[in-house]
Amino acid sequence: MRKIFFILVFFTAGLLVRAQNKPLDAATINKVKSGVADCAARTITIFSDFTQEKEMSILNDKIITSGKFYFKKEKQLRWEYIHPFSYVITINGDEITIRNDGKISSFNSQSNRIFSEVNKIIIGSVRGTLLDDDTFRASYSQSNGNFIVKLTPLSPRLKESLQEIIIHFNKKDFTVDRLEMIEQGGDFTKINFTDKRINEPISDEKFILR
């Protein structure tokens, strides 16, 4: 259960925002919120490569994986891990399906409170709606190429396992360049998105595992 939770959340994130990141003033924060909202409104599909780095206190080396990411409005996601192993997660509405070693398992996120929260976080991160989610406290900064939003959970349930989520928005088009998550124990996951293709046709079949 714990393994699936953190794979899903990003996956689902990680490194602390470094000191060189500059805090934003109120006007720039409003610009970021507006830009992210506009981007979410015009984005129907996303197809992207991704590289994920996972660092755990019990391991000496980082776990590095890569694959393909698909998103289709409103609530369809596919995380396809290709290297160094094959592992696929799809979210189709409230239905979460996993293919691991050729075996497929499915469950409804609404039947489990934790997975319901995870589903909300995943979709909200991709669409930018977490910025206005009252279950998180948001702080804003910037680096040379990104606006950075650090989200600290206010929900006691999420606080038990999650310290913060960090979303890096591209300054030019407000798409997500990086997602990071820091767990309460200090473990972190970081996902970088590259070669993003926006609003290209994606078949609904991509979000169905058989």
N, C-alpha and C. Protein backbone atom coordinates (compact mmCIF):
# COMPACT_ATOMS: atom_id res chain seq x y z
N MET A 1 0.83 -1.20 0.00
CA MET A 1 0.00 0.00 0.00
C MET A 1 0.87 1.26 0.00
N ARG A 2 1.91 1.27 0.87
CA ARG A 2 2.79 2.44 0.94
C ARG A 2 3.55 2.64 -0.37
N LYS A 3 4.00 1.50 -0.98
CA LYS A 3 4.74 1.59 -2.23
C LYS A 3 3.88 2.21 -3.32
N ILE A 4 2.65 1.72 -3.45
CA ILE A 4 1.76 2.24 -4.49
C ILE A 4 1.46 3.70 -4.24
N PHE A 5 1.26 4.07 -2.97
CA PHE A 5 0.94 5.46 -2.64
C PHE A 5 2.01 6.40 -3.17
N PHE A 6 3.27 6.09 -2.90
CA PHE A 6 4.31 7.03 -3.28
C PHE A 6 4.69 6.95 -4.75
N ILE A 7 4.46 5.80 -5.39
CA ILE A 7 4.62 5.76 -6.84
C ILE A 7 3.58 6.63 -7.49
N LEU A 8 2.35 6.56 -7.00
CA LEU A 8 1.27 7.35 -7.57
C LEU A 8 1.49 8.83 -7.39
N VAL A 9 1.86 9.20 -6.22
CA VAL A 9 2.02 10.62 -5.97
C VAL A 9 3.18 11.18 -6.74
N PHE A 10 3.84 10.40 -7.31
CA PHE A 10 4.91 10.76 -8.24
C PHE A 10 6.21 10.25 -7.98
N PHE A 11 4.93 9.95 -7.51
CA PHE A 11 5.27 9.90 -8.47
C PHE A 11 5.92 11.16 -7.96
N THR A 12 4.43 11.23 -8.58
CA THR A 12 4.38 11.52 -8.21
C THR A 12 5.16 11.94 -7.80
N ALA A 13 8.15 13.29 -5.85
CA ALA A 13 8.54 14.69 -5.86
C ALA A 13 9.71 14.90 -4.96
N GLY A 14 10.37 15.92 -4.59
CA GLY A 14 11.44 16.22 -3.93
C GLY A 14 12.51 16.90 -3.35
N LEU A 15 13.23 17.76 -3.90
CA LEU A 15 14.33 18.48 -3.29
C LEU A 15 13.86 19.78 -2.69
N LEU A 16 14.51 20.20 -1.63
CA LEU A 16 14.14 21.48 -1.03
C LEU A 16 14.41 22.63 -1.98
N VAL A 17 13.54 23.65 -1.95
CA VAL A 17 13.77 24.84 -2.76
C VAL A 17 15.03 25.52 -2.25
N ARG A 18 15.96 25.74 -3.13
CA ARG A 18 17.25 26.25 -2.70
C ARG A 18 17.21 27.75 -2.43
N ALA A 19 18.22 28.19 -1.70
CA ALA A 19 18.24 29.58 -1.22
C ALA A 19 18.26 30.59 -2.36
N GLN A 20 18.80 30.20 -3.53
CA GLN A 20 18.88 31.17 -4.61
C GLN A 20 17.53 31.47 -5.25
N ASN A 21 16.51 30.69 -4.95
CA ASN A 21 15.19 30.97 -5.46
C ASN A 21 14.63 32.20 -4.77
N LYS A 22 14.11 33.14 -5.56
CA LYS A 22 13.69 34.43 -5.03
C LYS A 22 12.18 34.44 -4.76
N PRO A 23 11.76 34.90 -3.58
CA PRO A 23 10.32 35.01 -3.29
C PRO A 23 9.64 35.96 -4.27
N LEU A 24 8.36 35.75 -4.48
CA LEU A 24 7.60 36.59 -5.42
C LEU A 24 6.75 37.60 -4.67
N ASP A 25 6.57 38.77 -5.29
CA ASP A 25 5.66 39.76 -4.72
C ASP A 25 4.22 39.41 -5.12
N ALA A 26 3.27 40.12 -4.55
CA ALA A 26 1.85 39.81 -4.75
C ALA A 26 1.45 39.88 -6.22
N ALA A 27 1.96 40.89 -6.93
CA ALA A 27 1.60 41.05 -8.34
C ALA A 27 2.08 39.87 -9.18
N THR A 28 3.30 39.40 -8.89
CA THR A 28 3.83 38.27 -9.65
C THR A 28 3.12 36.98 -9.29
N ILE A 29 2.74 36.83 -8.03
CA ILE A 29 1.97 35.65 -7.61
C ILE A 29 0.65 35.59 -8.38
N ASN A 30 -0.01 36.73 -8.50
CA ASN A 30 -1.26 36.78 -9.27
C ASN A 30 -1.02 36.43 -10.73
N LYS A 31 0.13 36.88 -11.26
CA LYS A 31 0.49 36.55 -12.64
C LYS A 31 0.67 35.04 -12.81
N VAL A 32 1.32 34.42 -11.84
CA VAL A 32 1.52 32.97 -11.90
C VAL A 32 0.19 32.24 -11.85
N LYS A 33 -0.66 32.62 -10.90
CA LYS A 33 -1.96 31.96 -10.77
C LYS A 33 -2.77 32.10 -12.05
N SER A 34 -2.76 33.30 -12.62
CA SER A 34 -3.50 33.54 -13.86
C SER A 34 -2.93 32.73 -15.01
N GLY A 35 -1.60 32.70 -15.11
CA GLY A 35 -0.95 31.97 -16.19
C GLY A 35 -1.21 30.47 -16.10
N VAL A 36 -1.14 29.93 -14.89
CA VAL A 36 -1.40 28.50 -14.69
C VAL A 36 -2.85 28.17 -15.01
N ALA A 37 -3.77 29.03 -14.56
CA ALA A 37 -5.20 28.81 -14.84
C ALA A 37 -5.48 28.85 -16.34
N ASP A 38 -4.88 29.81 -17.04
CA ASP A 38 -5.07 29.91 -18.49
C ASP A 38 -4.51 28.68 -19.20
N CYS A 39 -3.33 28.24 -18.75
CA CYS A 39 -2.71 27.06 -19.35
C CYS A 39 -3.59 25.83 -19.15
N ALA A 40 -4.12 25.67 -17.93
CA ALA A 40 -4.98 24.52 -17.64
C ALA A 40 -6.25 24.55 -18.48
N ALA A 41 -6.79 25.76 -18.68
CA ALA A 41 -8.04 25.89 -19.44
C ALA A 41 -7.86 25.50 -20.91
N ARG A 42 -6.70 25.80 -21.47
CA ARG A 42 -6.51 25.54 -22.90
C ARG A 42 -5.85 24.18 -23.17
N THR A 43 -5.44 23.49 -22.11
CA THR A 43 -4.78 22.20 -22.28
C THR A 43 -5.79 21.06 -22.25
N ILE A 44 -5.88 20.35 -23.35
CA ILE A 44 -6.77 19.20 -23.45
C ILE A 44 -5.99 17.90 -23.24
N THR A 45 -4.80 17.82 -23.83
CA THR A 45 -3.96 16.64 -23.67
C THR A 45 -2.51 17.06 -23.46
N ILE A 46 -1.76 16.18 -22.80
CA ILE A 46 -0.31 16.33 -22.64
C ILE A 46 0.33 14.97 -22.89
N PHE A 47 1.39 14.96 -23.69
CA PHE A 47 2.21 13.77 -23.87
C PHE A 47 3.65 14.20 -23.63
N SER A 48 4.36 13.47 -22.78
CA SER A 48 5.69 13.91 -22.39
C SER A 48 6.56 12.72 -22.01
N ASP A 49 7.87 12.88 -22.20
CA ASP A 49 8.83 11.97 -21.58
C ASP A 49 9.03 12.42 -20.14
N PHE A 50 9.42 11.47 -19.28
CA PHE A 50 9.75 11.87 -17.91
C PHE A 50 10.90 11.04 -17.38
N THR A 51 11.64 11.65 -16.47
CA THR A 51 12.68 10.95 -15.72
C THR A 51 12.39 11.15 -14.24
N GLN A 52 12.38 10.07 -13.50
CA GLN A 52 12.06 10.14 -12.07
C GLN A 52 13.27 9.71 -11.26
N GLU A 53 13.59 10.51 -10.24
CA GLU A 53 14.64 10.17 -9.29
C GLU A 53 14.02 9.96 -7.92
N LYS A 54 14.32 8.83 -7.32
CA LYS A 54 13.79 8.51 -6.00
C LYS A 54 14.97 8.27 -5.06
N GLU A 55 14.98 8.98 -3.94
CA GLU A 55 16.04 8.80 -2.95
C GLU A 55 15.40 8.38 -1.63
N MET A 56 15.88 7.25 -1.10
CA MET A 56 15.34 6.71 0.14
C MET A 56 16.46 6.55 1.16
N SER A 57 16.13 6.79 2.42
CA SER A 57 17.14 6.73 3.48
C SER A 57 17.73 5.33 3.64
N ILE A 58 16.97 4.30 3.25
CA ILE A 58 17.45 2.93 3.43
C ILE A 58 18.35 2.48 2.28
N LEU A 59 18.48 3.32 1.23
CA LEU A 59 19.30 2.96 0.09
C LEU A 59 20.43 3.96 -0.09
N ASN A 60 21.58 3.48 -0.55
CA ASN A 60 22.73 4.36 -0.77
C ASN A 60 22.62 5.13 -2.08
N ASP A 61 22.02 4.53 -3.08
CA ASP A 61 21.95 5.14 -4.41
C ASP A 61 20.53 5.57 -4.75
N LYS A 62 20.43 6.57 -5.61
CA LYS A 62 19.13 6.99 -6.12
C LYS A 62 18.57 5.93 -7.06
N ILE A 63 17.25 5.82 -7.07
CA ILE A 63 16.57 4.97 -8.04
C ILE A 63 16.12 5.86 -9.18
N ILE A 64 16.65 5.63 -10.37
CA ILE A 64 16.32 6.47 -11.52
C ILE A 64 15.53 5.65 -12.53
N THR A 65 14.35 6.14 -12.87
CA THR A 65 13.49 5.48 -13.85
C THR A 65 13.06 6.50 -14.90
N SER A 66 12.59 6.00 -16.03
CA SER A 66 12.13 6.91 -17.08
C SER A 66 11.00 6.26 -17.85
N GLY A 67 10.24 7.10 -18.55
CA GLY A 67 9.12 6.57 -19.31
C GLY A 67 8.32 7.64 -20.00
N LYS A 68 7.04 7.34 -20.23
CA LYS A 68 6.13 8.23 -20.95
C LYS A 68 4.96 8.62 -20.05
N PHE A 69 4.55 9.88 -20.18
CA PHE A 69 3.43 10.40 -19.40
C PHE A 69 2.35 10.89 -20.36
N TYR A 70 1.10 10.54 -20.05
CA TYR A 70 -0.05 10.97 -20.86
C TYR A 70 -1.11 11.58 -19.94
N PHE A 71 -1.70 12.66 -20.38
CA PHE A 71 -2.83 13.27 -19.66
C PHE A 71 -3.89 13.66 -20.67
N LYS A 72 -5.15 13.41 -20.30
CA LYS A 72 -6.27 13.83 -21.13
C LYS A 72 -7.36 14.36 -20.22
N LYS A 73 -7.84 15.54 -20.53
CA LYS A 73 -8.88 16.17 -19.76
C LYS A 73 -10.15 15.31 -19.79
N GLU A 74 -10.86 15.17 -18.68
CA GLU A 74 -10.64 15.84 -17.42
C GLU A 74 -9.75 15.02 -16.47
N LYS A 75 -9.99 13.71 -16.38
CA LYS A 75 -9.34 12.93 -15.34
C LYS A 75 -8.76 11.63 -15.88
N GLN A 76 -7.94 11.74 -16.91
CA GLN A 76 -7.29 10.55 -17.45
C GLN A 76 -5.78 10.75 -17.42
N LEU A 77 -5.08 9.82 -16.79
CA LEU A 77 -3.62 9.86 -16.69
C LEU A 77 -3.04 8.48 -16.98
N ARG A 78 -1.86 8.49 -17.56
CA ARG A 78 -1.12 7.24 -17.74
C ARG A 78 0.36 7.52 -17.46
N TRP A 79 0.91 6.80 -16.49
CA TRP A 79 2.34 6.83 -16.21
C TRP A 79 2.91 5.49 -16.68
N GLU A 80 3.73 5.53 -17.70
CA GLU A 80 4.28 4.30 -18.27
C GLU A 80 5.79 4.27 -18.04
N TYR A 81 6.19 3.51 -17.02
CA TYR A 81 7.61 3.35 -16.73
C TYR A 81 8.19 2.34 -17.71
N ILE A 82 9.27 2.72 -18.39
CA ILE A 82 9.85 1.88 -19.42
C ILE A 82 11.23 1.36 -19.02
N HIS A 83 12.04 2.21 -18.40
CA HIS A 83 13.41 1.84 -18.04
C HIS A 83 13.67 2.17 -16.57
N PRO A 84 14.26 1.29 -15.79
CA PRO A 84 14.82 -0.02 -16.15
C PRO A 84 13.83 -1.17 -16.03
N PHE A 85 12.56 -0.88 -15.74
CA PHE A 85 11.55 -1.92 -15.66
C PHE A 85 10.25 -1.41 -16.28
N SER A 86 9.35 -2.34 -16.55
CA SER A 86 8.05 -1.98 -17.12
C SER A 86 7.00 -1.95 -16.02
N TYR A 87 6.32 -0.82 -15.91
CA TYR A 87 5.30 -0.64 -14.87
C TYR A 87 4.37 0.46 -15.35
N VAL A 88 3.07 0.20 -15.36
CA VAL A 88 2.12 1.17 -15.89
C VAL A 88 1.03 1.46 -14.87
N ILE A 89 0.73 2.74 -14.68
CA ILE A 89 -0.38 3.17 -13.84
C ILE A 89 -1.30 4.03 -14.70
N THR A 90 -2.58 3.71 -14.69
CA THR A 90 -3.54 4.58 -15.36
C THR A 90 -4.59 5.04 -14.36
N ILE A 91 -5.05 6.26 -14.56
CA ILE A 91 -6.17 6.80 -13.79
C ILE A 91 -7.21 7.24 -14.80
N ASN A 92 -8.38 6.68 -14.68
CA ASN A 92 -9.48 6.99 -15.59
C ASN A 92 -10.69 7.35 -14.74
N GLY A 93 -10.85 8.65 -14.49
CA GLY A 93 -11.86 9.08 -13.53
C GLY A 93 -11.42 8.68 -12.14
N ASP A 94 -12.21 7.88 -11.45
CA ASP A 94 -11.86 7.41 -10.11
C ASP A 94 -11.23 6.02 -10.14
N GLU A 95 -11.13 5.43 -11.32
CA GLU A 95 -10.59 4.08 -11.45
C GLU A 95 -9.08 4.11 -11.64
N ILE A 96 -8.36 3.42 -10.77
CA ILE A 96 -6.90 3.32 -10.85
C ILE A 96 -6.55 1.89 -11.23
N THR A 97 -5.74 1.73 -12.28
CA THR A 97 -5.34 0.41 -12.75
C THR A 97 -3.82 0.35 -12.83
N ILE A 98 -3.26 -0.78 -12.41
CA ILE A 98 -1.82 -0.97 -12.39
C ILE A 98 -1.47 -2.25 -13.13
N ARG A 99 -0.46 -2.17 -14.00
CA ARG A 99 0.07 -3.37 -14.65
C ARG A 99 1.52 -3.55 -14.22
N ASN A 100 1.79 -4.64 -13.55
CA ASN A 100 3.11 -4.92 -13.01
C ASN A 100 3.45 -6.38 -13.28
N ASP A 101 4.56 -6.63 -13.98
CA ASP A 101 4.96 -7.99 -14.34
C ASP A 101 3.85 -8.73 -15.08
N GLY A 102 3.13 -8.00 -15.93
CA GLY A 102 2.09 -8.62 -16.73
C GLY A 102 0.77 -8.82 -16.00
N LYS A 103 0.74 -8.53 -14.72
CA LYS A 103 -0.48 -8.69 -13.93
C LYS A 103 -1.19 -7.35 -13.78
N ILE A 104 -2.51 -7.37 -13.92
CA ILE A 104 -3.30 -6.14 -13.85
C ILE A 104 -4.19 -6.15 -12.62
N SER A 105 -4.18 -5.05 -11.88
CA SER A 105 -5.08 -4.90 -10.73
C SER A 105 -5.74 -3.53 -10.81
N SER A 106 -6.99 -3.47 -10.39
CA SER A 106 -7.76 -2.22 -10.46
C SER A 106 -8.50 -2.00 -9.16
N PHE A 107 -8.74 -0.74 -8.84
CA PHE A 107 -9.57 -0.40 -7.69
C PHE A 107 -10.10 1.01 -7.88
N ASN A 108 -11.14 1.32 -7.15
CA ASN A 108 -11.75 2.65 -7.21
C ASN A 108 -11.15 3.51 -6.11
N SER A 109 -10.62 4.67 -6.49
CA SER A 109 -9.96 5.52 -5.50
C SER A 109 -10.91 6.01 -4.43
N GLN A 110 -12.21 6.09 -4.75
CA GLN A 110 -13.18 6.58 -3.77
C GLN A 110 -13.42 5.57 -2.65
N SER A 111 -13.02 4.32 -2.88
CA SER A 111 -13.20 3.31 -1.84
C SER A 111 -12.13 3.38 -0.77
N ASN A 112 -11.12 4.20 -1.00
CA ASN A 112 -10.02 4.33 -0.06
C ASN A 112 -9.69 5.81 0.09
N ARG A 113 -9.76 6.31 1.31
CA ARG A 113 -9.58 7.74 1.55
C ARG A 113 -8.21 8.23 1.11
N ILE A 114 -7.18 7.41 1.35
CA ILE A 114 -5.82 7.82 0.98
C ILE A 114 -5.70 7.96 -0.54
N PHE A 115 -6.20 6.96 -1.26
CA PHE A 115 -6.09 7.02 -2.72
C PHE A 115 -6.97 8.11 -3.31
N SER A 116 -8.05 8.43 -2.63
CA SER A 116 -8.87 9.56 -3.08
C SER A 116 -8.07 10.85 -3.01
N GLU A 117 -7.30 11.01 -1.92
CA GLU A 117 -6.43 12.18 -1.77
C GLU A 117 -5.32 12.17 -2.83
N VAL A 118 -4.74 10.99 -3.06
CA VAL A 118 -3.67 10.86 -4.04
C VAL A 118 -4.17 11.24 -5.43
N ASN A 119 -5.34 10.74 -5.79
CA ASN A 119 -5.94 11.05 -7.08
C ASN A 119 -6.12 12.55 -7.24
N LYS A 120 -6.60 13.18 -6.18
CA LYS A 120 -6.82 14.62 -6.19
C LYS A 120 -5.50 15.37 -6.38
N ILE A 121 -4.45 14.92 -5.71
CA ILE A 121 -3.14 15.56 -5.81
C ILE A 121 -2.58 15.43 -7.22
N ILE A 122 -2.68 14.23 -7.77
CA ILE A 122 -2.14 13.98 -9.10
C ILE A 122 -2.79 14.88 -10.14
N ILE A 123 -4.11 14.83 -10.18
CA ILE A 123 -4.83 15.64 -11.17
C ILE A 123 -4.60 17.12 -10.91
N GLY A 124 -4.62 17.51 -9.64
CA GLY A 124 -4.43 18.92 -9.29
C GLY A 124 -3.06 19.44 -9.64
N SER A 125 -2.03 18.59 -9.52
CA SER A 125 -0.68 19.00 -9.88
C SER A 125 -0.56 19.24 -11.37
N VAL A 126 -1.10 18.33 -12.16
CA VAL A 126 -1.02 18.45 -13.61
C VAL A 126 -1.81 19.65 -14.11
N ARG A 127 -2.99 19.87 -13.53
CA ARG A 127 -3.87 20.93 -14.01
C ARG A 127 -3.63 22.27 -13.31
N GLY A 128 -2.80 22.27 -12.25
CA GLY A 128 -2.52 23.51 -11.55
C GLY A 128 -3.57 23.92 -10.54
N THR A 129 -4.58 23.08 -10.32
CA THR A 129 -5.67 23.46 -9.41
C THR A 129 -5.27 23.37 -7.95
N LEU A 130 -4.15 22.72 -7.65
CA LEU A 130 -3.70 22.65 -6.26
C LEU A 130 -3.32 24.01 -5.71
N LEU A 131 -3.03 24.96 -6.59
CA LEU A 131 -2.63 26.29 -6.13
C LEU A 131 -3.72 26.95 -5.31
N ASP A 132 -4.97 26.62 -5.58
CA ASP A 132 -6.09 27.22 -4.85
C ASP A 132 -6.77 26.22 -3.93
N ASP A 133 -6.11 25.11 -3.66
CA ASP A 133 -6.68 24.08 -2.79
C ASP A 133 -6.45 24.47 -1.33
N ASP A 134 -7.53 24.56 -0.56
CA ASP A 134 -7.39 25.02 0.82
C ASP A 134 -6.85 23.95 1.76
N THR A 135 -6.53 22.76 1.24
CA THR A 135 -5.89 21.75 2.07
C THR A 135 -4.36 21.88 2.02
N PHE A 136 -3.86 22.88 1.28
CA PHE A 136 -2.44 23.16 1.20
C PHE A 136 -2.18 24.65 1.45
N ARG A 137 -1.02 24.94 2.03
CA ARG A 137 -0.55 26.32 2.13
C ARG A 137 0.52 26.51 1.06
N ALA A 138 0.35 27.53 0.22
CA ALA A 138 1.24 27.75 -0.92
C ALA A 138 2.21 28.89 -0.65
N SER A 139 3.47 28.69 -1.05
CA SER A 139 4.45 29.78 -1.06
C SER A 139 5.11 29.80 -2.43
N TYR A 140 5.47 30.99 -2.89
CA TYR A 140 5.91 31.18 -4.28
C TYR A 140 7.32 31.75 -4.33
N SER A 141 8.10 31.25 -5.29
CA SER A 141 9.43 31.80 -5.56
C SER A 141 9.73 31.58 -7.04
N GLN A 142 10.94 31.96 -7.45
CA GLN A 142 11.31 31.76 -8.85
C GLN A 142 12.79 31.48 -8.99
N SER A 143 13.13 30.74 -10.03
CA SER A 143 14.51 30.54 -10.45
C SER A 143 14.64 31.17 -11.83
N ASN A 144 15.73 30.92 -12.52
CA ASN A 144 15.91 31.56 -13.82
C ASN A 144 14.83 31.18 -14.82
N GLY A 145 14.43 29.90 -14.84
CA GLY A 145 13.49 29.46 -15.86
C GLY A 145 12.12 29.06 -15.37
N ASN A 146 11.93 29.07 -14.04
CA ASN A 146 10.68 28.55 -13.50
C ASN A 146 10.09 29.43 -12.40
N PHE A 147 8.76 29.41 -12.34
CA PHE A 147 8.06 29.84 -11.14
C PHE A 147 7.87 28.59 -10.29
N ILE A 148 8.17 28.71 -9.01
CA ILE A 148 8.18 27.54 -8.13
C ILE A 148 7.13 27.73 -7.03
N VAL A 149 6.26 26.74 -6.90
CA VAL A 149 5.22 26.79 -5.88
C VAL A 149 5.43 25.63 -4.92
N LYS A 150 5.64 25.97 -3.65
CA LYS A 150 5.80 24.95 -2.61
C LYS A 150 4.48 24.82 -1.87
N LEU A 151 3.95 23.61 -1.83
CA LEU A 151 2.66 23.34 -1.21
C LEU A 151 2.86 22.50 0.04
N THR A 152 2.48 23.05 1.18
CA THR A 152 2.60 22.35 2.46
C THR A 152 1.22 21.85 2.87
N PRO A 153 1.06 20.54 3.11
CA PRO A 153 -0.27 20.02 3.44
C PRO A 153 -0.76 20.51 4.79
N LEU A 154 -2.04 20.84 4.85
CA LEU A 154 -2.69 21.23 6.09
C LEU A 154 -3.54 20.10 6.65
N SER A 155 -3.88 19.14 5.81
CA SER A 155 -4.69 18.00 6.23
C SER A 155 -3.87 17.08 7.14
N PRO A 156 -4.37 16.78 8.35
CA PRO A 156 -3.65 15.88 9.25
C PRO A 156 -3.33 14.54 8.61
N ARG A 157 -4.22 14.05 7.77
CA ARG A 157 -4.03 12.77 7.11
C ARG A 157 -2.82 12.81 6.17
N LEU A 158 -2.71 13.88 5.38
CA LEU A 158 -1.58 14.00 4.47
C LEU A 158 -0.29 14.32 5.21
N LYS A 159 -0.39 15.07 6.31
CA LYS A 159 0.79 15.43 7.08
C LYS A 159 1.52 14.21 7.62
N GLU A 160 0.80 13.13 7.82
CA GLU A 160 1.41 11.93 8.38
C GLU A 160 2.49 11.37 7.46
N SER A 161 2.35 11.55 6.17
CA SER A 161 3.30 10.95 5.23
C SER A 161 3.99 11.95 4.31
N LEU A 162 3.40 13.12 4.15
CA LEU A 162 3.89 14.07 3.15
C LEU A 162 4.29 15.39 3.79
N GLN A 163 5.53 15.80 3.54
CA GLN A 163 6.02 17.07 4.07
C GLN A 163 5.67 18.24 3.15
N GLU A 164 5.93 18.08 1.86
CA GLU A 164 5.58 19.14 0.91
C GLU A 164 5.65 18.65 -0.53
N ILE A 165 4.93 19.36 -1.38
CA ILE A 165 4.97 19.16 -2.83
C ILE A 165 5.53 20.44 -3.44
N ILE A 166 6.40 20.30 -4.42
CA ILE A 166 6.98 21.46 -5.09
C ILE A 166 6.72 21.32 -6.59
N ILE A 167 6.09 22.33 -7.17
CA ILE A 167 5.78 22.31 -8.60
C ILE A 167 6.56 23.42 -9.29
N HIS A 168 7.29 23.07 -10.34
CA HIS A 168 8.06 24.04 -11.12
C HIS A 168 7.32 24.31 -12.42
N PHE A 169 6.82 25.52 -12.57
CA PHE A 169 6.10 25.91 -13.78
C PHE A 169 7.03 26.65 -14.73
N ASN A 170 7.01 26.27 -15.99
CA ASN A 170 7.81 26.94 -17.00
C ASN A 170 7.37 28.40 -17.13
N LYS A 171 8.31 29.33 -17.12
CA LYS A 171 7.96 30.75 -17.18
C LYS A 171 7.36 31.16 -18.51
N LYS A 172 7.67 30.43 -19.56
CA LYS A 172 7.18 30.83 -20.88
C LYS A 172 5.75 30.39 -21.14
N ASP A 173 5.42 29.14 -20.80
CA ASP A 173 4.09 28.63 -21.15
C ASP A 173 3.29 28.10 -19.96
N PHE A 174 3.89 28.15 -18.75
CA PHE A 174 3.22 27.75 -17.50
C PHE A 174 2.87 26.26 -17.45
N THR A 175 3.50 25.45 -18.30
CA THR A 175 3.36 24.00 -18.14
C THR A 175 4.29 23.54 -17.02
N VAL A 176 4.07 22.33 -16.53
CA VAL A 176 4.88 21.80 -15.43
C VAL A 176 6.17 21.21 -15.97
N ASP A 177 7.30 21.73 -15.51
CA ASP A 177 8.60 21.19 -15.88
C ASP A 177 9.06 20.12 -14.89
N ARG A 178 8.68 20.29 -13.62
CA ARG A 178 9.15 19.36 -12.60
C ARG A 178 8.15 19.26 -11.46
N LEU A 179 8.00 18.05 -10.95
CA LEU A 179 7.22 17.80 -9.75
C LEU A 179 8.14 17.18 -8.71
N GLU A 180 8.01 17.63 -7.48
CA GLU A 180 8.83 17.08 -6.41
C GLU A 180 7.95 16.81 -5.20
N MET A 181 8.33 15.78 -4.44
CA MET A 181 7.64 15.50 -3.19
C MET A 181 8.65 15.10 -2.13
N ILE A 182 8.50 15.68 -0.96
CA ILE A 182 9.33 15.30 0.17
C ILE A 182 8.43 14.61 1.20
N GLU A 183 8.82 13.40 1.56
CA GLU A 183 8.06 12.65 2.55
C GLU A 183 8.50 13.06 3.95
N GLN A 184 7.69 12.73 4.94
CA GLN A 184 8.00 13.13 6.30
C GLN A 184 9.31 12.53 6.80
N GLY A 185 9.66 11.36 6.30
CA GLY A 185 10.90 10.73 6.73
C GLY A 185 12.13 11.25 6.03
N GLY A 186 11.95 12.19 5.09
CA GLY A 186 13.07 12.76 4.37
C GLY A 186 13.31 12.15 3.00
N ASP A 187 12.66 11.03 2.69
CA ASP A 187 12.78 10.47 1.35
C ASP A 187 12.16 11.44 0.34
N PHE A 188 12.69 11.45 -0.87
CA PHE A 188 12.11 12.35 -1.86
C PHE A 188 12.03 11.71 -3.24
N THR A 189 11.12 12.22 -4.03
CA THR A 189 10.97 11.83 -5.43
C THR A 189 10.96 13.10 -6.26
N LYS A 190 11.65 13.08 -7.38
CA LYS A 190 11.69 14.23 -8.29
C LYS A 190 11.40 13.72 -9.70
N ILE A 191 10.46 14.38 -10.39
CA ILE A 191 10.13 14.00 -11.76
C ILE A 191 10.32 15.19 -12.69
N ASN A 192 11.14 15.01 -13.71
CA ASN A 192 11.35 16.03 -14.73
C ASN A 192 10.61 15.64 -16.00
N PHE A 193 9.87 16.60 -16.57
CA PHE A 193 9.13 16.38 -17.81
C PHE A 193 9.88 17.05 -18.96
N THR A 194 10.10 16.30 -20.03
CA THR A 194 10.81 16.83 -21.19
C THR A 194 10.05 16.48 -22.47
N ASP A 195 10.36 17.21 -23.53
CA ASP A 195 9.73 16.97 -24.84
C ASP A 195 8.21 16.94 -24.71
N LYS A 196 7.67 17.95 -24.06
CA LYS A 196 6.21 18.02 -23.84
C LYS A 196 5.49 18.38 -25.14
N ARG A 197 4.43 17.64 -25.41
CA ARG A 197 3.59 17.91 -26.57
C ARG A 197 2.17 18.16 -26.08
N ILE A 198 1.67 19.34 -26.38
CA ILE A 198 0.39 19.78 -25.84
C ILE A 198 -0.69 19.69 -26.91
N ASN A 199 -1.83 19.14 -26.51
CA ASN A 199 -3.04 19.08 -27.35
C ASN A 199 -2.89 18.27 -28.63
N GLU A 200 -1.98 17.29 -28.61
CA GLU A 200 -1.95 16.31 -29.68
C GLU A 200 -2.97 15.22 -29.37
N PRO A 201 -3.58 14.61 -30.39
CA PRO A 201 -4.61 13.59 -30.14
C PRO A 201 -4.06 12.40 -29.34
N ILE A 202 -4.80 11.99 -28.32
CA ILE A 202 -4.49 10.79 -27.54
C ILE A 202 -5.76 9.96 -27.45
N SER A 203 -5.68 8.71 -27.87
CA SER A 203 -6.84 7.83 -27.83
C SER A 203 -7.21 7.47 -26.40
N ASP A 204 -8.51 7.30 -26.14
CA ASP A 204 -8.97 6.86 -24.83
C ASP A 204 -8.41 5.47 -24.48
N GLU A 205 -8.02 4.71 -25.50
CA GLU A 205 -7.47 3.37 -25.26
C GLU A 205 -6.17 3.43 -24.45
N LYS A 206 -5.48 4.55 -24.51
CA LYS A 206 -4.24 4.69 -23.75
C LYS A 206 -4.47 4.58 -22.25
N PHE A 207 -5.68 4.84 -21.81
CA PHE A 207 -5.98 4.87 -20.38
C PHE A 207 -6.74 3.63 -19.92
N ILE A 208 -6.71 2.60 -20.77
CA ILE A 208 -7.35 1.32 -20.45
C ILE A 208 -6.29 0.23 -20.53
N LEU A 209 -6.10 -0.51 -19.46
CA LEU A 209 -5.13 -1.60 -19.44
C LEU A 209 -5.87 -2.93 -19.53
N ARG A 210 -5.34 -3.80 -20.38
CA ARG A 210 -5.94 -5.13 -20.53
C ARG A 210 -4.86 -6.20 -20.42
